[in-house]
């Protein structure tokens, strides 16, 4: 006997429960109209027989695949080297698993990858998408809109009414304008208070008596980095522009930026880095240059990724954001929208927030 023929069938469950095949199908596929005593008999028969529903047949009934695409707009090397992505994926995975949904991970590195992701989403393989680490010129939002897939973004989307993404092929002025006005209010996203967290970090440095506070930014085509730069400027006002060095959220970028800053302004006495990895790179350069931390230069990061922040020398003062919690909330918002059956073009339901901004907290350690 083959494995397939030995598996319990829908008919076997119906016979064990003493109900019709249609009744079993409704219960197994989450349908309505079955009295609770009958539904309980079906569930008991399913458990006793070890019946596993056929996913393809289930999808025909429910119109759901119980699968969600997680799209990260970064190359593979960056994703697997940065603990931020692992934390966010862990939060997403926990929430999807709790609701018996599968996670499908899609990474993008170039134009061919964008087209591939767009085709996959348009092919009806998943119920929705969670998208994060977008850059301002990223074509993904337009491709996702064209695919008609319900989506929740990680991080505040960077487009405005004038720059909203549009589906490929909508290149006439009237269509672009319509896409902008229709697309912008439908974006559901989860973010942290990047600007407020940056203000807290820089105010702390000011409170320590530091007067030449530098900032190492993240990539400024991402809203999180731009917001953290704005928070820095909120506190330092018209600081010397030479105190700002653009970087890329990586340790190597932090090293390069720290060298530039020390070459430009050797007597700087504090650094606010846009994330913990950047701060770790900056700390290495300060140590190489013989600068004591925090005595000569105080350093603050952003994220509070424990594998990084607690293992730097000295341990890193940083702004904590709940990265795993952001992932869970993104998945929860998307699943709620799918459960309500909201069409993608309809936008979020009245009781669904379009943007959720989570608070941040300054965590003091030895570096500042």
Protein backbone atom coordinates (compact mmCIF):
# COMPACT_ATOMS: atom_id res chain seq x y z
CA UNK A 1 0.00 0.00 0.00
CA UNK A 2 1.39 3.41 -0.94
CA UNK A 3 1.80 6.23 1.56
CA UNK A 4 -0.83 8.32 -0.24
CA UNK A 5 -3.44 5.55 -0.14
CA UNK A 6 -2.80 4.94 3.57
CA UNK A 7 -3.54 8.51 4.58
CA UNK A 8 -6.95 9.12 6.19
CA UNK A 9 -9.41 10.63 3.76
CA UNK A 10 -12.24 13.09 4.15
CA UNK A 11 -14.65 10.17 3.68
CA UNK A 12 -12.96 8.25 6.50
CA UNK A 13 -13.37 11.21 8.84
CA UNK A 14 -17.02 11.53 7.84
CA UNK A 15 -17.62 7.83 8.54
CA UNK A 16 -15.90 8.02 11.93
CA UNK A 17 -17.87 11.15 12.93
CA UNK A 18 -21.17 9.88 11.47
CA UNK A 19 -21.70 12.99 9.35
CA UNK A 20 -21.62 13.84 5.67
CA UNK A 21 -18.48 14.58 3.72
CA UNK A 22 -19.71 18.14 3.14
CA UNK A 23 -20.02 18.69 6.89
CA UNK A 24 -16.45 17.52 7.42
CA UNK A 25 -15.25 19.81 4.65
CA UNK A 26 -16.96 22.84 6.21
CA UNK A 27 -15.45 22.14 9.63
CA UNK A 28 -11.96 21.40 8.35
CA UNK A 29 -11.93 24.48 6.14
CA UNK A 30 -13.29 26.82 8.80
CA UNK A 31 -16.71 27.27 7.26
CA UNK A 32 -19.89 28.27 9.08
CA UNK A 33 -23.24 26.56 9.44
CA UNK A 34 -22.24 23.45 11.41
CA UNK A 35 -23.77 22.98 14.87
CA UNK A 36 -21.16 22.79 17.62
CA UNK A 37 -21.93 19.18 18.69
CA UNK A 38 -21.40 18.00 15.10
CA UNK A 39 -18.30 20.17 14.70
CA UNK A 40 -16.85 18.67 17.87
CA UNK A 41 -17.45 15.13 16.58
CA UNK A 42 -15.63 16.02 13.36
CA UNK A 43 -12.68 17.54 15.23
CA UNK A 44 -12.46 14.45 17.43
CA UNK A 45 -12.50 12.15 14.38
CA UNK A 46 -9.80 14.28 12.70
CA UNK A 47 -7.59 13.91 15.76
CA UNK A 48 -8.21 10.19 16.19
CA UNK A 49 -7.47 9.39 12.54
CA UNK A 50 -4.60 11.87 12.19
CA UNK A 51 -6.26 13.45 9.18
CA UNK A 52 -4.24 16.21 7.47
CA UNK A 53 -6.22 18.46 5.09
CA UNK A 54 -5.02 18.71 1.51
CA UNK A 55 -3.74 22.28 1.22
CA UNK A 56 -4.55 22.61 -2.47
CA UNK A 57 -8.14 21.50 -1.92
CA UNK A 58 -8.41 23.70 1.16
CA UNK A 59 -7.24 26.73 -0.83
CA UNK A 60 -9.98 26.16 -3.40
CA UNK A 61 -12.57 26.38 -0.63
CA UNK A 62 -11.10 29.13 1.56
CA UNK A 63 -9.41 31.19 -1.17
CA UNK A 64 -6.44 31.36 1.23
CA UNK A 65 -2.98 29.83 0.95
CA UNK A 66 -2.04 30.34 4.61
CA UNK A 67 1.28 31.71 3.41
CA UNK A 68 2.75 35.20 3.73
CA UNK A 69 5.70 36.60 1.79
CA UNK A 70 8.33 38.49 3.76
CA UNK A 71 10.17 40.75 1.35
CA UNK A 72 13.45 42.31 2.49
CA UNK A 73 14.80 44.92 0.11
CA UNK A 74 18.44 44.09 0.83
CA UNK A 75 21.03 41.70 -0.61
CA UNK A 76 21.49 38.30 0.97
CA UNK A 77 24.90 39.12 2.45
CA UNK A 78 23.48 42.09 4.35
CA UNK A 79 20.41 40.25 5.64
CA UNK A 80 22.33 37.32 7.11
CA UNK A 81 25.07 39.52 8.62
CA UNK A 82 22.81 41.99 10.45
CA UNK A 83 21.06 40.79 13.66
CA UNK A 84 18.31 43.37 13.07
CA UNK A 85 16.80 41.23 10.34
CA UNK A 86 17.02 38.06 12.42
CA UNK A 87 15.14 39.73 15.27
CA UNK A 88 12.42 41.09 13.01
CA UNK A 89 12.05 37.76 11.21
CA UNK A 90 11.78 35.98 14.56
CA UNK A 91 8.88 38.22 15.57
CA UNK A 92 7.14 37.70 12.23
CA UNK A 93 7.69 33.95 12.34
CA UNK A 94 6.30 33.62 15.86
CA UNK A 95 3.10 35.43 14.93
CA UNK A 96 2.58 33.57 11.65
CA UNK A 97 3.27 30.21 13.29
CA UNK A 98 0.76 30.96 16.04
CA UNK A 99 -1.86 31.38 13.29
CA UNK A 100 -0.74 28.34 11.25
CA UNK A 101 0.67 30.44 8.41
CA UNK A 102 3.87 29.77 6.47
CA UNK A 103 6.61 32.35 5.97
CA UNK A 104 8.07 32.69 2.48
CA UNK A 105 11.29 34.73 2.50
CA UNK A 106 12.10 36.81 -0.59
CA UNK A 107 15.29 38.89 -0.87
CA UNK A 108 16.13 41.47 -3.52
CA UNK A 109 19.55 42.48 -4.75
CA UNK A 110 19.00 43.89 -8.21
CA UNK A 111 16.57 44.61 -11.01
CA UNK A 112 16.16 40.93 -11.89
CA UNK A 113 15.26 40.14 -8.27
CA UNK A 114 12.65 42.90 -8.20
CA UNK A 115 11.01 41.49 -11.32
CA UNK A 116 11.11 37.98 -9.88
CA UNK A 117 9.47 39.07 -6.63
CA UNK A 118 6.83 41.01 -8.54
CA UNK A 119 5.99 37.96 -10.66
CA UNK A 120 5.84 35.69 -7.61
CA UNK A 121 3.48 37.98 -5.72
CA UNK A 122 1.26 38.46 -8.77
CA UNK A 123 1.11 34.67 -9.23
CA UNK A 124 -1.24 34.15 -6.28
CA UNK A 125 1.14 32.04 -4.21
CA UNK A 126 0.66 33.99 -0.97
CA UNK A 127 -2.16 35.80 0.82
CA UNK A 128 -0.20 38.93 1.65
CA UNK A 129 3.22 40.50 2.03
CA UNK A 130 5.33 42.03 4.78
CA UNK A 131 7.94 44.37 3.33
CA UNK A 132 10.79 46.18 5.06
CA UNK A 133 14.13 47.93 4.59
CA UNK A 134 12.81 49.86 1.59
CA UNK A 135 14.89 52.55 -0.11
CA UNK A 136 13.30 55.65 -1.61
CA UNK A 137 13.92 54.64 -5.24
CA UNK A 138 12.86 51.03 -4.67
CA UNK A 139 10.42 49.73 -7.32
CA UNK A 140 8.97 47.13 -4.95
CA UNK A 141 5.97 49.19 -3.73
CA UNK A 142 4.84 49.74 -7.30
CA UNK A 143 5.29 46.07 -8.15
CA UNK A 144 3.36 45.05 -5.06
CA UNK A 145 0.57 47.45 -5.91
CA UNK A 146 0.43 45.97 -9.39
CA UNK A 147 0.23 42.47 -7.90
CA UNK A 148 -2.79 43.48 -5.79
CA UNK A 149 -1.41 41.87 -2.63
CA UNK A 150 -2.43 43.15 0.84
CA UNK A 151 0.74 44.53 2.39
CA UNK A 152 2.11 45.86 5.65
CA UNK A 153 5.38 47.79 5.58
CA UNK A 154 8.10 47.75 8.20
CA UNK A 155 9.17 51.36 8.59
CA UNK A 156 7.40 54.51 7.49
CA UNK A 157 7.12 54.51 3.69
CA UNK A 158 9.10 57.33 2.13
CA UNK A 159 6.74 58.32 -0.63
CA UNK A 160 4.50 61.37 -0.64
CA UNK A 161 1.44 62.19 -2.72
CA UNK A 162 3.75 63.32 -5.48
CA UNK A 163 6.03 60.30 -5.40
CA UNK A 164 3.68 57.46 -4.53
CA UNK A 165 4.47 54.14 -6.20
CA UNK A 166 2.41 53.06 -9.15
CA UNK A 167 1.93 49.80 -10.95
CA UNK A 168 4.23 49.14 -13.90
CA UNK A 169 2.74 50.41 -17.15
CA UNK A 170 0.88 53.33 -15.60
CA UNK A 171 3.11 56.01 -17.09
CA UNK A 172 0.55 58.53 -18.29
CA UNK A 173 0.23 61.67 -16.14
CA UNK A 174 -3.39 61.08 -15.28
CA UNK A 175 -2.71 57.50 -14.23
CA UNK A 176 0.30 58.47 -12.15
CA UNK A 177 -1.68 61.13 -10.35
CA UNK A 178 -4.51 58.68 -9.67
CA UNK A 179 -2.08 56.06 -8.42
CA UNK A 180 -0.53 58.58 -6.04
CA UNK A 181 -3.77 59.70 -4.48
CA UNK A 182 -5.08 56.15 -4.23
CA UNK A 183 -1.88 54.52 -3.01
CA UNK A 184 -0.65 56.82 -0.26
CA UNK A 185 -3.50 56.54 2.29
CA UNK A 186 -3.69 52.75 1.97
CA UNK A 187 -0.17 52.07 3.25
CA UNK A 188 -0.23 50.27 6.59
CA UNK A 189 3.10 50.33 8.39
CA UNK A 190 4.82 49.70 11.72
CA UNK A 191 7.75 51.84 12.78
CA UNK A 192 9.67 53.01 15.83
CA UNK A 193 9.94 56.60 17.04
CA UNK A 194 13.25 57.11 15.25
CA UNK A 195 13.24 60.89 15.54
CA UNK A 196 12.24 60.93 19.20
CA UNK A 197 14.79 58.25 20.07
CA UNK A 198 17.53 60.24 18.34
CA UNK A 199 16.55 63.34 20.29
CA UNK A 200 16.79 61.40 23.55
CA UNK A 201 20.26 60.14 22.64
CA UNK A 202 21.64 63.56 21.72
CA UNK A 203 20.03 65.25 24.72
CA UNK A 204 21.75 62.69 26.92
CA UNK A 205 25.09 63.61 25.37
CA UNK A 206 24.39 67.31 25.89
CA UNK A 207 23.50 66.54 29.49
CA UNK A 208 26.93 64.96 29.90
CA UNK A 209 28.48 68.29 28.94
CA UNK A 210 29.51 67.28 25.42
CA UNK A 211 29.65 70.17 22.97
CA UNK A 212 31.08 68.72 19.74
CA UNK A 213 28.61 65.93 19.04
CA UNK A 214 29.02 64.09 15.76
CA UNK A 215 26.44 61.97 14.00
CA UNK A 216 27.13 58.94 11.81
CA UNK A 217 23.99 58.47 9.74
CA UNK A 218 22.46 55.44 8.10
CA UNK A 219 21.70 55.42 4.35
CA UNK A 220 19.67 58.58 3.90
CA UNK A 221 17.46 57.03 1.23
CA UNK A 222 15.78 55.14 4.09
CA UNK A 223 13.29 56.95 6.30
CA UNK A 224 14.65 55.51 9.55
CA UNK A 225 18.07 57.06 8.89
CA UNK A 226 16.58 60.35 7.72
CA UNK A 227 14.37 60.54 10.83
CA UNK A 228 17.34 59.89 13.14
CA UNK A 229 19.30 62.65 11.41
CA UNK A 230 16.32 64.97 11.91
CA UNK A 231 16.24 64.05 15.61
CA UNK A 232 19.94 64.88 15.92
CA UNK A 233 19.38 68.24 14.25
CA UNK A 234 16.40 68.96 16.51
CA UNK A 235 18.83 69.09 19.44
CA UNK A 236 22.09 70.42 18.02
CA UNK A 237 20.45 72.99 15.76
CA UNK A 238 23.01 74.64 13.50
CA UNK A 239 25.92 72.37 14.39
CA UNK A 240 28.99 72.32 12.17
CA UNK A 241 28.00 70.23 9.10
CA UNK A 242 31.44 68.60 9.24
CA UNK A 243 30.15 66.75 12.32
CA UNK A 244 27.79 64.69 10.14
CA UNK A 245 29.12 61.69 8.19
CA UNK A 246 26.88 59.48 6.07
CA UNK A 247 27.22 55.72 6.46
CA UNK A 248 25.27 52.55 5.69
CA UNK A 249 24.22 50.79 8.95
CA UNK A 250 27.25 48.43 8.79
CA UNK A 251 30.35 48.10 11.03
CA UNK A 252 32.63 48.85 8.08
CA UNK A 253 30.63 51.95 7.28
CA UNK A 254 30.92 53.05 10.90
CA UNK A 255 34.70 52.64 10.76
CA UNK A 256 35.01 54.70 7.57
CA UNK A 257 32.75 57.45 8.89
CA UNK A 258 34.56 57.62 12.23
CA UNK A 259 37.90 58.06 10.49
CA UNK A 260 36.46 60.86 8.36
CA UNK A 261 35.08 62.61 11.41
CA UNK A 262 38.33 62.41 13.38
CA UNK A 263 40.28 63.68 10.40
CA UNK A 264 37.91 66.63 10.03
CA UNK A 265 37.34 67.47 13.71
CA UNK A 266 39.96 65.77 15.89
CA UNK A 267 38.60 67.26 19.13
CA UNK A 268 35.02 65.95 18.80
CA UNK A 269 33.82 64.66 22.16
CA UNK A 270 30.71 62.58 21.38
CA UNK A 271 29.20 60.43 18.63
CA UNK A 272 25.60 59.43 18.04
CA UNK A 273 25.62 56.51 15.61
CA UNK A 274 22.49 55.61 13.64
CA UNK A 275 22.59 51.96 14.71
CA UNK A 276 24.54 49.61 16.97
CA UNK A 277 26.59 48.05 14.17
CA UNK A 278 27.76 51.49 13.07
CA UNK A 279 28.59 52.35 16.68
CA UNK A 280 30.61 49.14 17.02
CA UNK A 281 32.69 50.14 14.01
CA UNK A 282 33.17 53.65 15.41
CA UNK A 283 34.36 52.24 18.75
CA UNK A 284 37.04 50.19 17.01
CA UNK A 285 38.45 53.26 15.26
CA UNK A 286 38.37 55.35 18.45
CA UNK A 287 40.34 52.61 20.19
CA UNK A 288 42.85 52.51 17.30
CA UNK A 289 43.29 56.29 17.52
CA UNK A 290 43.90 56.15 21.26
CA UNK A 291 40.62 57.86 22.25
CA UNK A 292 39.16 56.70 25.53
CA UNK A 293 35.42 55.95 25.65
CA UNK A 294 33.61 57.59 27.34
CA UNK A 295 36.29 59.82 28.91
CA UNK A 296 37.42 61.44 25.64
CA UNK A 297 34.51 60.53 23.35
CA UNK A 298 31.07 59.37 24.46
CA UNK A 299 29.28 57.01 22.04
CA UNK A 300 25.58 56.14 21.68
CA UNK A 301 24.02 53.74 19.19
CA UNK A 302 20.47 52.85 18.17
CA UNK A 303 18.59 49.50 18.27
CA UNK A 304 19.82 47.80 21.47
CA UNK A 305 20.61 44.55 19.70
CA UNK A 306 21.98 42.60 22.65
CA UNK A 307 24.46 40.45 20.69
CA UNK A 308 26.09 43.74 19.67
CA UNK A 309 25.38 46.31 22.39
CA UNK A 310 26.46 44.18 25.35
CA UNK A 311 29.61 42.84 23.70
CA UNK A 312 31.25 46.07 22.53
CA UNK A 313 34.15 47.49 24.51
CA UNK A 314 32.89 49.29 26.51
CA UNK A 315 29.25 48.07 26.51
CA UNK A 316 27.15 50.38 24.38
CA UNK A 317 24.68 53.00 25.54
CA UNK A 318 21.96 52.88 22.92
CA UNK A 319 18.35 53.62 22.03
CA UNK A 320 16.20 50.52 22.35
CA UNK A 321 13.51 49.73 19.82
CA UNK A 322 11.41 46.58 20.07
CA UNK A 323 12.55 44.97 16.82
CA UNK A 324 10.97 41.59 17.45
CA UNK A 325 7.76 43.27 18.61
CA UNK A 326 7.66 45.30 15.39
CA UNK A 327 7.78 42.06 13.41
CA UNK A 328 4.98 40.48 15.43
CA UNK A 329 2.80 43.57 15.05
CA UNK A 330 3.37 43.73 11.30
CA UNK A 331 2.21 40.12 10.96
CA UNK A 332 -0.74 40.69 13.30
CA UNK A 333 -1.98 43.68 11.28
CA UNK A 334 -1.70 41.78 8.02
CA UNK A 335 -3.46 38.67 9.33
CA UNK A 336 -6.25 40.81 10.74
CA UNK A 337 -6.75 42.40 7.36
CA UNK A 338 -6.78 39.00 5.65
CA UNK A 339 -9.29 37.63 8.15
CA UNK A 340 -11.62 40.53 7.37
CA UNK A 341 -11.25 39.82 3.65
CA UNK A 342 -10.33 43.45 2.91
CA UNK A 343 -9.53 43.90 -0.80
CA UNK A 344 -6.05 45.39 -1.34
CA UNK A 345 -7.38 48.45 -3.17
CA UNK A 346 -9.87 49.23 -0.41
CA UNK A 347 -7.19 50.22 2.08
CA UNK A 348 -7.23 49.41 5.77
CA UNK A 349 -10.52 48.97 7.60
CA UNK A 350 -11.69 51.93 9.73
CA UNK A 351 -10.44 50.22 12.91
CA UNK A 352 -6.99 49.48 11.45
CA UNK A 353 -4.33 52.16 12.03
CA UNK A 354 -2.47 53.15 8.87
CA UNK A 355 0.69 53.82 10.84
CA UNK A 356 1.76 52.43 14.20
CA UNK A 357 4.81 54.09 15.77
CA UNK A 358 6.27 52.22 18.74
CA UNK A 359 8.13 54.07 21.53
CA UNK A 360 11.87 53.91 22.09
CA UNK A 361 13.90 53.92 25.32
CA UNK A 362 17.44 55.08 26.08
CA UNK A 363 19.44 52.24 27.64
CA UNK A 364 22.48 53.49 29.55
CA UNK A 365 25.66 51.41 29.62
CA UNK A 366 29.32 52.34 29.89
CA UNK A 367 29.96 54.11 26.55
CA UNK A 368 28.09 57.32 27.47
